[in-house]
Amino acid sequence: MTSRRILIWVILLPVFAASTTLAQSVAITFDDLPLNGELPPGMTRAQMVKDVVAILKRRKTPQIFGFVNAKKLEGNPDGAAALKEWVGGGERVGNHTYSHIDLQQNTAEAFERDLAQNEPVLELLSPADDWHWLRYPFLREGDTLDKRRAVRKYLSDHGYKVAQVTIDYEDYAWNNPYARCAAKQDAKSMEWLISNYLSLASDYIDGDRAMAQLVYGHDINHVLLLHLGAFSSTIVPQVLDMLHAKHLRLVTLEEAESDPAYQVDPNAPTSRFGASLLEQMMNVKRLPYPKLPPKPFKQLESLCR
């Protein structure tokens, strides 16, 4: 090997090594705390959260962010108890706005007020003042460029970081059907929910990793969006097994978003459906999406009625 080739190899080796490391990292996050959707009869929000936290502790996961909508606490002591279980178990909280406000349907000023209204609860839950992460409700970052930029400036001025998402398969859609099927003790339907969820999740995790390759030319640190609800204690252990089988190493949100990919702002309006970071980048670059199976929304909505 010539000295020139050796020099090139020495220069590129750290890049290859970094790419290998990045391909193995994912942060899990939960939205809509203290609860997404309904619960089966006899289950409380506090018990649901306690069960999930116990799973995370047994599996020794890094600290996980749960993004809070404090409006859900109004007149709901069980919701407050659930959040105490979350932070008491060593997990963290971030801002999901007070009322889960839709930026596409509201002004930037209204969105900022709603975000600020959520902060007193976060301050109580996280005295360490490390809650300055925003997860946009519906993953909608503004239907106009002016609105998007105005909120981004507000976040920067107030010390916020955006908790972006790269892996999303709208898992919230399984929470209510599971609660209904559990109430009816319909074991066959619950078995279908589990197998259907895992099959779709696997396809979308692979598809989102493929999108990272299309956008950046290599895999990146990922952030997985889940929604804390009735199905969580049943499905989370199997999601963790799946991530392990796919050689995705669990990391904190900070570690995941230290990847340079998260420093790139797509700087474009978000579609009315909302979009992950990867979907925004795919749209900006006008890249064709990998073919993925449709989500079974109609089946889920009709199950166990």
C-alpha atoms as a PDB file:
ATOM      1  CA  MET A   1       0.000   0.000   0.000  1.00  0.00           C
ATOM      2  CA  THR A   2       1.388   3.402  -0.975  1.00  0.00           C
ATOM      3  CA  SER A   3       1.907   6.116   1.617  1.00  0.00           C
ATOM      4  CA  ARG A   4      -0.824   8.180  -0.049  1.00  0.00           C
ATOM      5  CA  ARG A   5      -3.356   5.332   0.264  1.00  0.00           C
ATOM      6  CA  ILE A   6      -2.365   4.805   3.897  1.00  0.00           C
ATOM      7  CA  LEU A   7      -2.952   8.508   4.574  1.00  0.00           C
ATOM      8  CA  ILE A   8      -6.417   8.381   2.964  1.00  0.00           C
ATOM      9  CA  TRP A   9      -7.282   5.274   4.981  1.00  0.00           C
ATOM     10  CA  VAL A  10      -6.186   6.964   8.241  1.00  0.00           C
ATOM     11  CA  ILE A  11      -8.360   9.997   7.418  1.00  0.00           C
ATOM     12  CA  LEU A  12     -11.446   7.956   6.507  1.00  0.00           C
ATOM     13  CA  LEU A  13     -11.235   5.353   9.262  1.00  0.00           C
ATOM     14  CA  PRO A  14     -12.829   7.590  11.945  1.00  0.00           C
ATOM     15  CA  VAL A  15     -15.680   8.382   9.531  1.00  0.00           C
ATOM     16  CA  PHE A  16     -16.366   4.685   8.960  1.00  0.00           C
ATOM     17  CA  ALA A  17     -16.144   4.018  12.689  1.00  0.00           C
ATOM     18  CA  ALA A  18     -18.583   6.839  13.466  1.00  0.00           C
ATOM     19  CA  SER A  19     -21.013   5.532  10.857  1.00  0.00           C
ATOM     20  CA  THR A  20     -20.929   2.095  12.466  1.00  0.00           C
ATOM     21  CA  THR A  21     -21.640   3.581  15.903  1.00  0.00           C
ATOM     22  CA  LEU A  22     -24.456   5.772  14.636  1.00  0.00           C
ATOM     23  CA  ALA A  23     -26.172   2.823  13.015  1.00  0.00           C
ATOM     24  CA  GLN A  24     -26.617   1.223  16.434  1.00  0.00           C
ATOM     25  CA  SER A  25     -28.244   4.044  18.440  1.00  0.00           C
ATOM     26  CA  VAL A  26     -31.862   4.934  19.238  1.00  0.00           C
ATOM     27  CA  ALA A  27     -33.542   7.010  21.954  1.00  0.00           C
ATOM     28  CA  ILE A  28     -37.038   6.023  23.066  1.00  0.00           C
ATOM     29  CA  THR A  29     -39.476   8.831  23.894  1.00  0.00           C
ATOM     30  CA  PHE A  30     -43.104   8.828  25.031  1.00  0.00           C
ATOM     31  CA  ASP A  31     -45.699  11.467  24.174  1.00  0.00           C
ATOM     32  CA  ASP A  32     -48.992  12.535  25.769  1.00  0.00           C
ATOM     33  CA  LEU A  33     -48.179  11.988  29.444  1.00  0.00           C
ATOM     34  CA  PRO A  34     -49.934  11.222  31.720  1.00  0.00           C
ATOM     35  CA  LEU A  35     -52.054   9.188  29.277  1.00  0.00           C
ATOM     36  CA  ASN A  36     -52.792   8.663  25.606  1.00  0.00           C
ATOM     37  CA  GLY A  37     -56.244   7.228  24.989  1.00  0.00           C
ATOM     38  CA  GLU A  38     -58.491   5.175  27.257  1.00  0.00           C
ATOM     39  CA  LEU A  39     -57.816   2.643  30.001  1.00  0.00           C
ATOM     40  CA  PRO A  40     -59.526  -0.693  30.684  1.00  0.00           C
ATOM     41  CA  PRO A  41     -61.876  -0.772  33.693  1.00  0.00           C
ATOM     42  CA  GLY A  42     -60.001  -1.054  36.963  1.00  0.00           C
ATOM     43  CA  MET A  43     -56.696   0.320  35.656  1.00  0.00           C
ATOM     44  CA  THR A  44     -55.497   3.724  36.861  1.00  0.00           C
ATOM     45  CA  ARG A  45     -53.091   6.071  35.136  1.00  0.00           C
ATOM     46  CA  ALA A  46     -50.742   5.801  38.107  1.00  0.00           C
ATOM     47  CA  GLN A  47     -50.680   2.003  37.925  1.00  0.00           C
ATOM     48  CA  MET A  48     -50.190   2.060  34.154  1.00  0.00           C
ATOM     49  CA  VAL A  49     -47.174   4.361  34.482  1.00  0.00           C
ATOM     50  CA  LYS A  50     -45.797   2.380  37.432  1.00  0.00           C
ATOM     51  CA  ASP A  51     -45.941  -0.823  35.354  1.00  0.00           C
ATOM     52  CA  VAL A  52     -44.127   0.790  32.404  1.00  0.00           C
ATOM     53  CA  VAL A  53     -41.452   2.351  34.620  1.00  0.00           C
ATOM     54  CA  ALA A  54     -40.859  -1.055  36.247  1.00  0.00           C
ATOM     55  CA  ILE A  55     -40.283  -2.571  32.790  1.00  0.00           C
ATOM     56  CA  LEU A  56     -37.817   0.171  31.871  1.00  0.00           C
ATOM     57  CA  LYS A  57     -35.938  -0.331  35.133  1.00  0.00           C
ATOM     58  CA  ARG A  58     -35.732  -4.116  34.683  1.00  0.00           C
ATOM     59  CA  ARG A  59     -34.390  -3.635  31.172  1.00  0.00           C
ATOM     60  CA  LYS A  60     -31.916  -0.984  32.388  1.00  0.00           C
ATOM     61  CA  THR A  61     -32.892   1.516  29.712  1.00  0.00           C
ATOM     62  CA  PRO A  62     -31.228   4.942  29.699  1.00  0.00           C
ATOM     63  CA  GLN A  63     -33.369   7.760  31.085  1.00  0.00           C
ATOM     64  CA  ILE A  64     -36.389   8.314  28.871  1.00  0.00           C
ATOM     65  CA  PHE A  65     -38.208  11.563  28.170  1.00  0.00           C
ATOM     66  CA  GLY A  66     -41.979  11.681  28.553  1.00  0.00           C
ATOM     67  CA  PHE A  67     -43.580  14.734  26.959  1.00  0.00           C
ATOM     68  CA  VAL A  68     -46.338  16.216  29.115  1.00  0.00           C
ATOM     69  CA  ASN A  69     -49.657  17.941  28.384  1.00  0.00           C
ATOM     70  CA  ALA A  70     -50.546  19.520  31.738  1.00  0.00           C
ATOM     71  CA  LYS A  71     -54.163  20.222  30.736  1.00  0.00           C
ATOM     72  CA  LYS A  72     -54.799  16.501  31.295  1.00  0.00           C
ATOM     73  CA  LEU A  73     -54.131  17.084  35.009  1.00  0.00           C
ATOM     74  CA  GLU A  74     -57.101  19.414  35.489  1.00  0.00           C
ATOM     75  CA  GLY A  75     -59.460  17.788  38.011  1.00  0.00           C
ATOM     76  CA  ASN A  76     -57.508  14.548  37.683  1.00  0.00           C
ATOM     77  CA  PRO A  77     -55.518  13.520  40.765  1.00  0.00           C
ATOM     78  CA  ASP A  78     -54.814  10.146  39.139  1.00  0.00           C
ATOM     79  CA  GLY A  79     -52.981  11.957  36.336  1.00  0.00           C
ATOM     80  CA  ALA A  80     -50.865  13.854  38.853  1.00  0.00           C
ATOM     81  CA  ALA A  81     -50.076  10.591  40.650  1.00  0.00           C
ATOM     82  CA  ALA A  82     -49.057   9.059  37.314  1.00  0.00           C
ATOM     83  CA  LEU A  83     -46.542  11.832  36.644  1.00  0.00           C
ATOM     84  CA  LYS A  84     -45.121  11.403  40.151  1.00  0.00           C
ATOM     85  CA  GLU A  85     -44.608   7.704  39.344  1.00  0.00           C
ATOM     86  CA  TRP A  86     -42.812   8.679  36.134  1.00  0.00           C
ATOM     87  CA  VAL A  87     -40.301  11.106  37.626  1.00  0.00           C
ATOM     88  CA  GLY A  88     -40.068   9.125  40.874  1.00  0.00           C
ATOM     89  CA  GLY A  89     -38.942   6.184  38.777  1.00  0.00           C
ATOM     90  CA  GLY A  90     -36.049   8.231  37.434  1.00  0.00           C
ATOM     91  CA  GLU A  91     -37.504   9.190  34.042  1.00  0.00           C
ATOM     92  CA  ARG A  92     -37.583  12.738  32.656  1.00  0.00           C
ATOM     93  CA  VAL A  93     -40.148  15.185  31.320  1.00  0.00           C
ATOM     94  CA  GLY A  94     -40.324  17.597  28.415  1.00  0.00           C
ATOM     95  CA  ASN A  95     -42.825  20.067  26.975  1.00  0.00           C
ATOM     96  CA  HIS A  96     -45.577  18.825  24.669  1.00  0.00           C
ATOM     97  CA  THR A  97     -47.535  22.078  25.165  1.00  0.00           C
ATOM     98  CA  TYR A  98     -50.305  22.571  27.717  1.00  0.00           C
ATOM     99  CA  SER A  99     -53.272  21.501  25.589  1.00  0.00           C
ATOM    100  CA  HIS A 100     -51.612  19.549  22.734  1.00  0.00           C
ATOM    101  CA  ILE A 101     -52.181  22.598  20.551  1.00  0.00           C
ATOM    102  CA  ASP A 102     -51.974  22.231  16.778  1.00  0.00           C
ATOM    103  CA  LEU A 103     -49.577  24.814  15.339  1.00  0.00           C
ATOM    104  CA  GLN A 104     -51.081  24.351  11.880  1.00  0.00           C
ATOM    105  CA  GLN A 105     -54.455  25.586  13.177  1.00  0.00           C
ATOM    106  CA  ASN A 106     -53.194  28.377  15.431  1.00  0.00           C
ATOM    107  CA  THR A 107     -50.938  31.428  15.350  1.00  0.00           C
ATOM    108  CA  ALA A 108     -47.328  31.261  16.476  1.00  0.00           C
ATOM    109  CA  GLU A 109     -48.238  33.566  19.383  1.00  0.00           C
ATOM    110  CA  ALA A 110     -51.045  31.258  20.561  1.00  0.00           C
ATOM    111  CA  PHE A 111     -48.716  28.266  20.327  1.00  0.00           C
ATOM    112  CA  GLU A 112     -46.046  30.055  22.374  1.00  0.00           C
ATOM    113  CA  ARG A 113     -48.576  30.982  25.078  1.00  0.00           C
ATOM    114  CA  ASP A 114     -49.771  27.379  25.308  1.00  0.00           C
ATOM    115  CA  LEU A 115     -46.190  26.136  25.534  1.00  0.00           C
ATOM    116  CA  ALA A 116     -45.411  28.596  28.339  1.00  0.00           C
ATOM    117  CA  GLN A 117     -48.595  27.605  30.209  1.00  0.00           C
ATOM    118  CA  ASN A 118     -47.192  24.067  30.459  1.00  0.00           C
ATOM    119  CA  GLU A 119     -43.962  25.157  32.145  1.00  0.00           C
ATOM    120  CA  PRO A 120     -45.044  25.483  35.835  1.00  0.00           C
ATOM    121  CA  VAL A 121     -45.894  21.775  35.981  1.00  0.00           C
ATOM    122  CA  LEU A 122     -42.583  20.858  34.340  1.00  0.00           C
ATOM    123  CA  GLU A 123     -40.705  23.006  36.863  1.00  0.00           C
ATOM    124  CA  LEU A 124     -42.394  21.130  39.714  1.00  0.00           C
ATOM    125  CA  LEU A 125     -41.634  17.762  38.169  1.00  0.00           C
ATOM    126  CA  SER A 126     -38.055  18.549  37.208  1.00  0.00           C
ATOM    127  CA  PRO A 127     -36.309  20.892  39.676  1.00  0.00           C
ATOM    128  CA  ALA A 128     -33.033  20.280  37.823  1.00  0.00           C
ATOM    129  CA  ASP A 129     -34.425  22.513  35.061  1.00  0.00           C
ATOM    130  CA  ASP A 130     -33.618  19.994  32.307  1.00  0.00           C
ATOM    131  CA  TRP A 131     -37.123  19.972  30.798  1.00  0.00           C
ATOM    132  CA  HIS A 132     -36.398  22.467  27.999  1.00  0.00           C
ATOM    133  CA  TRP A 133     -37.152  20.058  25.175  1.00  0.00           C
ATOM    134  CA  LEU A 134     -40.205  20.576  22.952  1.00  0.00           C
ATOM    135  CA  ARG A 135     -42.000  17.813  21.112  1.00  0.00           C
ATOM    136  CA  TYR A 136     -44.325  19.430  18.586  1.00  0.00           C
ATOM    137  CA  PRO A 137     -47.878  18.037  18.900  1.00  0.00           C
ATOM    138  CA  PHE A 138     -48.826  16.001  15.820  1.00  0.00           C
ATOM    139  CA  LEU A 139     -45.245  16.608  14.597  1.00  0.00           C
ATOM    140  CA  ARG A 140     -46.579  19.766  12.963  1.00  0.00           C
ATOM    141  CA  GLU A 141     -43.979  22.537  12.970  1.00  0.00           C
ATOM    142  CA  GLY A 142     -45.974  25.180  11.107  1.00  0.00           C
ATOM    143  CA  ASP A 143     -47.896  25.306   7.848  1.00  0.00           C
ATOM    144  CA  THR A 144     -46.075  28.475   6.755  1.00  0.00           C
ATOM    145  CA  LEU A 145     -42.400  29.310   6.788  1.00  0.00           C
ATOM    146  CA  ASP A 146     -43.022  32.521   8.761  1.00  0.00           C
ATOM    147  CA  LYS A 147     -44.861  30.609  11.475  1.00  0.00           C
ATOM    148  CA  ARG A 148     -42.210  27.908  11.633  1.00  0.00           C
ATOM    149  CA  ARG A 149     -39.384  30.438  11.918  1.00  0.00           C
ATOM    150  CA  ALA A 150     -41.211  32.511  14.547  1.00  0.00           C
ATOM    151  CA  VAL A 151     -41.658  29.494  16.844  1.00  0.00           C
ATOM    152  CA  ARG A 152     -38.085  28.338  16.246  1.00  0.00           C
ATOM    153  CA  LYS A 153     -36.824  31.788  17.285  1.00  0.00           C
ATOM    154  CA  TYR A 154     -38.993  31.681  20.415  1.00  0.00           C
ATOM    155  CA  LEU A 155     -37.583  28.259  21.308  1.00  0.00           C
ATOM    156  CA  SER A 156     -34.014  29.448  20.813  1.00  0.00           C
ATOM    157  CA  ASP A 157     -34.611  32.605  22.872  1.00  0.00           C
ATOM    158  CA  HIS A 158     -36.058  30.513  25.734  1.00  0.00           C
ATOM    159  CA  GLY A 159     -33.393  27.826  25.810  1.00  0.00           C
ATOM    160  CA  TYR A 160     -35.395  25.042  24.188  1.00  0.00           C
ATOM    161  CA  LYS A 161     -34.187  22.193  22.000  1.00  0.00           C
ATOM    162  CA  VAL A 162     -36.508  20.441  19.546  1.00  0.00           C
ATOM    163  CA  ALA A 163     -37.096  16.776  20.356  1.00  0.00           C
ATOM    164  CA  GLN A 164     -37.162  15.577  16.783  1.00  0.00           C
ATOM    165  CA  VAL A 165     -38.434  12.150  15.704  1.00  0.00           C
ATOM    166  CA  THR A 166     -37.006   9.849  13.051  1.00  0.00           C
ATOM    167  CA  ILE A 167     -38.960   6.632  13.727  1.00  0.00           C
ATOM    168  CA  ASP A 168     -42.740   6.913  13.922  1.00  0.00           C
ATOM    169  CA  TYR A 169     -45.485   4.441  13.055  1.00  0.00           C
ATOM    170  CA  GLU A 170     -48.359   6.209  14.874  1.00  0.00           C
ATOM    171  CA  ASP A 171     -48.443   3.656  17.661  1.00  0.00           C
ATOM    172  CA  TYR A 172     -51.102   5.673  19.536  1.00  0.00           C
ATOM    173  CA  ALA A 173     -53.679   4.012  17.261  1.00  0.00           C
ATOM    174  CA  TRP A 174     -53.318   0.717  19.167  1.00  0.00           C
ATOM    175  CA  ASN A 175     -54.021   2.141  22.654  1.00  0.00           C
ATOM    176  CA  ASN A 176     -57.803   2.516  22.534  1.00  0.00           C
ATOM    177  CA  PRO A 177     -58.453  -0.826  20.769  1.00  0.00           C
ATOM    178  CA  TYR A 178     -56.339  -2.577  23.378  1.00  0.00           C
ATOM    179  CA  ALA A 179     -58.308  -0.928  26.199  1.00  0.00           C
ATOM    180  CA  ARG A 180     -61.599  -2.031  24.608  1.00  0.00           C
ATOM    181  CA  CYS A 181     -60.410  -5.593  23.965  1.00  0.00           C
ATOM    182  CA  ALA A 182     -58.994  -5.901  27.491  1.00  0.00           C
ATOM    183  CA  ALA A 183     -62.345  -4.740  28.902  1.00  0.00           C
ATOM    184  CA  LYS A 184     -64.076  -7.498  26.921  1.00  0.00           C
ATOM    185  CA  GLN A 185     -61.341 -10.014  27.770  1.00  0.00           C
ATOM    186  CA  ASP A 186     -61.076 -10.753  24.047  1.00  0.00           C
ATOM    187  CA  ALA A 187     -57.819 -12.689  24.033  1.00  0.00           C
ATOM    188  CA  LYS A 188     -57.909 -13.426  20.289  1.00  0.00           C
ATOM    189  CA  SER A 189     -58.230  -9.746  19.370  1.00  0.00           C
ATOM    190  CA  MET A 190     -55.474  -8.759  21.796  1.00  0.00           C
ATOM    191  CA  GLU A 191     -53.205 -11.384  20.240  1.00  0.00           C
ATOM    192  CA  TRP A 192     -53.919  -9.900  16.801  1.00  0.00           C
ATOM    193  CA  LEU A 193     -53.147  -6.403  18.121  1.00  0.00           C
ATOM    194  CA  ILE A 194     -49.743  -7.551  19.354  1.00  0.00           C
ATOM    195  CA  SER A 195     -48.757  -9.401  16.174  1.00  0.00           C
ATOM    196  CA  ASN A 196     -50.064  -6.628  13.901  1.00  0.00           C
ATOM    197  CA  TYR A 197     -48.263  -3.935  15.895  1.00  0.00           C
ATOM    198  CA  LEU A 198     -44.936  -5.777  15.889  1.00  0.00           C
ATOM    199  CA  SER A 199     -45.105  -6.536  12.163  1.00  0.00           C
ATOM    200  CA  LEU A 200     -45.872  -2.927  11.258  1.00  0.00           C
ATOM    201  CA  ALA A 201     -43.316  -1.531  13.719  1.00  0.00           C
ATOM    202  CA  SER A 202     -40.595  -3.728  12.241  1.00  0.00           C
ATOM    203  CA  ASP A 203     -41.393  -2.575   8.704  1.00  0.00           C
ATOM    204  CA  TYR A 204     -41.412   1.096   9.678  1.00  0.00           C
ATOM    205  CA  ILE A 205     -38.210   0.913  11.709  1.00  0.00           C
ATOM    206  CA  ASP A 206     -36.491  -0.624   8.674  1.00  0.00           C
ATOM    207  CA  GLY A 207     -38.147   1.899   6.357  1.00  0.00           C
ATOM    208  CA  ASP A 208     -37.105   4.892   8.456  1.00  0.00           C
ATOM    209  CA  ARG A 209     -33.529   3.623   8.599  1.00  0.00           C
ATOM    210  CA  ALA A 210     -33.644   3.308   4.811  1.00  0.00           C
ATOM    211  CA  MET A 211     -34.822   6.935   4.611  1.00  0.00           C
ATOM    212  CA  ALA A 212     -31.826   8.021   6.681  1.00  0.00           C
ATOM    213  CA  GLN A 213     -29.588   6.343   4.123  1.00  0.00           C
ATOM    214  CA  LEU A 214     -31.403   8.173   1.304  1.00  0.00           C
ATOM    215  CA  VAL A 215     -31.211  11.585   3.013  1.00  0.00           C
ATOM    216  CA  TYR A 216     -27.746  11.476   4.590  1.00  0.00           C
ATOM    217  CA  GLY A 217     -25.977   8.636   2.780  1.00  0.00           C
ATOM    218  CA  HIS A 218     -25.575   6.684   6.038  1.00  0.00           C
ATOM    219  CA  ASP A 219     -27.582   5.666   9.077  1.00  0.00           C
ATOM    220  CA  ILE A 220     -27.913   8.114  11.956  1.00  0.00           C
ATOM    221  CA  ASN A 221     -28.816   8.142  15.623  1.00  0.00           C
ATOM    222  CA  HIS A 222     -32.571   7.657  15.769  1.00  0.00           C
ATOM    223  CA  VAL A 223     -35.382   8.883  18.013  1.00  0.00           C
ATOM    224  CA  LEU A 224     -38.402   6.597  18.375  1.00  0.00           C
ATOM    225  CA  LEU A 225     -41.806   8.110  19.132  1.00  0.00           C
ATOM    226  CA  LEU A 226     -44.151   6.057  21.337  1.00  0.00           C
ATOM    227  CA  HIS A 227     -47.333   7.087  23.170  1.00  0.00           C
ATOM    228  CA  LEU A 228     -47.847   6.112  26.794  1.00  0.00           C
ATOM    229  CA  GLY A 229     -51.169   4.299  27.147  1.00  0.00           C
ATOM    230  CA  ALA A 230     -53.086   1.115  27.924  1.00  0.00           C
ATOM    231  CA  PHE A 231     -51.059  -0.999  25.499  1.00  0.00           C
ATOM    232  CA  SER A 232     -47.637   0.162  26.692  1.00  0.00           C
ATOM    233  CA  SER A 233     -46.962  -2.342  29.481  1.00  0.00           C
ATOM    234  CA  THR A 234     -47.872  -5.207  27.127  1.00  0.00           C
ATOM    235  CA  ILE A 235     -45.984  -4.087  24.039  1.00  0.00           C
ATOM    236  CA  VAL A 236     -42.929  -2.199  25.355  1.00  0.00           C
ATOM    237  CA  PRO A 237     -40.954  -5.340  26.349  1.00  0.00           C
ATOM    238  CA  GLN A 238     -41.425  -6.704  22.842  1.00  0.00           C
ATOM    239  CA  VAL A 239     -40.435  -3.390  21.261  1.00  0.00           C
ATOM    240  CA  LEU A 240     -37.240  -3.461  23.331  1.00  0.00           C
ATOM    241  CA  ASP A 241     -36.558  -7.015  22.134  1.00  0.00           C
ATOM    242  CA  MET A 242     -37.099  -5.913  18.538  1.00  0.00           C
ATOM    243  CA  LEU A 243     -34.713  -2.971  18.821  1.00  0.00           C
ATOM    244  CA  HIS A 244     -32.089  -5.297  20.284  1.00  0.00           C
ATOM    245  CA  ALA A 245     -32.608  -7.800  17.460  1.00  0.00           C
ATOM    246  CA  LYS A 246     -32.124  -4.976  14.946  1.00  0.00           C
ATOM    247  CA  HIS A 247     -28.822  -4.056  16.669  1.00  0.00           C
ATOM    248  CA  LEU A 248     -30.129  -0.689  17.815  1.00  0.00           C
ATOM    249  CA  ARG A 249     -28.448   0.373  21.066  1.00  0.00           C
ATOM    250  CA  LEU A 250     -30.574   2.411  23.487  1.00  0.00           C
ATOM    251  CA  VAL A 251     -29.237   5.887  24.318  1.00  0.00           C
ATOM    252  CA  THR A 252     -30.544   9.086  25.888  1.00  0.00           C
ATOM    253  CA  LEU A 253     -32.284  11.753  23.833  1.00  0.00           C
ATOM    254  CA  GLU A 254     -29.269  14.048  24.285  1.00  0.00           C
ATOM    255  CA  GLU A 255     -26.930  11.385  22.931  1.00  0.00           C
ATOM    256  CA  ALA A 256     -29.177  10.607  19.986  1.00  0.00           C
ATOM    257  CA  GLU A 257     -29.541  14.256  19.007  1.00  0.00           C
ATOM    258  CA  SER A 258     -25.829  14.921  19.290  1.00  0.00           C
ATOM    259  CA  ASP A 259     -25.714  13.430  15.799  1.00  0.00           C
ATOM    260  CA  PRO A 260     -24.982  16.189  13.228  1.00  0.00           C
ATOM    261  CA  ALA A 261     -28.145  15.173  11.350  1.00  0.00           C
ATOM    262  CA  TYR A 262     -30.199  16.965  14.006  1.00  0.00           C
ATOM    263  CA  GLN A 263     -28.378  20.237  13.426  1.00  0.00           C
ATOM    264  CA  VAL A 264     -29.946  20.522   9.964  1.00  0.00           C
ATOM    265  CA  ASP A 265     -33.225  22.445   9.913  1.00  0.00           C
ATOM    266  CA  PRO A 266     -35.382  21.467   6.902  1.00  0.00           C
ATOM    267  CA  ASN A 267     -36.626  25.089   7.029  1.00  0.00           C
ATOM    268  CA  ALA A 268     -39.849  24.358   5.164  1.00  0.00           C
ATOM    269  CA  PRO A 269     -43.540  24.286   6.086  1.00  0.00           C
ATOM    270  CA  THR A 270     -44.769  20.967   7.494  1.00  0.00           C
ATOM    271  CA  SER A 271     -47.500  19.063   5.669  1.00  0.00           C
ATOM    272  CA  ARG A 272     -50.981  18.950   7.188  1.00  0.00           C
ATOM    273  CA  PHE A 273     -50.297  15.370   8.291  1.00  0.00           C
ATOM    274  CA  GLY A 274     -47.215  16.337  10.308  1.00  0.00           C
ATOM    275  CA  ALA A 275     -43.810  14.869   9.592  1.00  0.00           C
ATOM    276  CA  SER A 276     -40.780  13.392  11.285  1.00  0.00           C
ATOM    277  CA  LEU A 277     -37.377  14.960  10.692  1.00  0.00           C
ATOM    278  CA  LEU A 278     -36.619  12.329   8.067  1.00  0.00           C
ATOM    279  CA  GLU A 279     -39.944  12.883   6.303  1.00  0.00           C
ATOM    280  CA  GLN A 280     -39.316  16.634   6.265  1.00  0.00           C
ATOM    281  CA  MET A 281     -35.874  16.085   4.764  1.00  0.00           C
ATOM    282  CA  MET A 282     -37.247  13.615   2.216  1.00  0.00           C
ATOM    283  CA  ASN A 283     -39.831  16.200   1.159  1.00  0.00           C
ATOM    284  CA  VAL A 284     -37.279  19.025   0.916  1.00  0.00           C
ATOM    285  CA  LYS A 285     -34.965  16.865  -1.164  1.00  0.00           C
ATOM    286  CA  ARG A 286     -37.914  15.479  -3.164  1.00  0.00           C
ATOM    287  CA  LEU A 287     -36.801  11.899  -2.642  1.00  0.00           C
ATOM    288  CA  PRO A 288     -39.094   8.914  -3.294  1.00  0.00           C
ATOM    289  CA  TYR A 289     -40.272   7.184  -0.122  1.00  0.00           C
ATOM    290  CA  PRO A 290     -39.582   3.504   0.538  1.00  0.00           C
ATOM    291  CA  LYS A 291     -42.686   1.392   0.020  1.00  0.00           C
ATOM    292  CA  LEU A 292     -44.277   0.594   3.394  1.00  0.00           C
ATOM    293  CA  PRO A 293     -47.505  -1.184   4.368  1.00  0.00           C
ATOM    294  CA  PRO A 294     -50.553   0.965   5.149  1.00  0.00           C
ATOM    295  CA  LYS A 295     -51.476   1.418   8.795  1.00  0.00           C
ATOM    296  CA  PRO A 296     -54.683  -0.473   9.711  1.00  0.00           C
ATOM    297  CA  PHE A 297     -56.603   2.487  11.114  1.00  0.00           C
ATOM    298  CA  LYS A 298     -60.049   1.214  10.051  1.00  0.00           C
ATOM    299  CA  GLN A 299     -59.461  -2.229  11.544  1.00  0.00           C
ATOM    300  CA  LEU A 300     -58.168  -0.744  14.765  1.00  0.00           C
ATOM    301  CA  GLU A 301     -61.112   1.623  15.034  1.00  0.00           C
ATOM    302  CA  SER A 302     -63.685  -1.162  14.594  1.00  0.00           C
ATOM    303  CA  LEU A 303     -61.997  -3.777  16.817  1.00  0.00           C
ATOM    304  CA  CYS A 304     -63.805  -4.884  19.994  1.00  0.00           C
ATOM    305  CA  ARG A 305     -66.776  -2.551  19.481  1.00  0.00           C
END
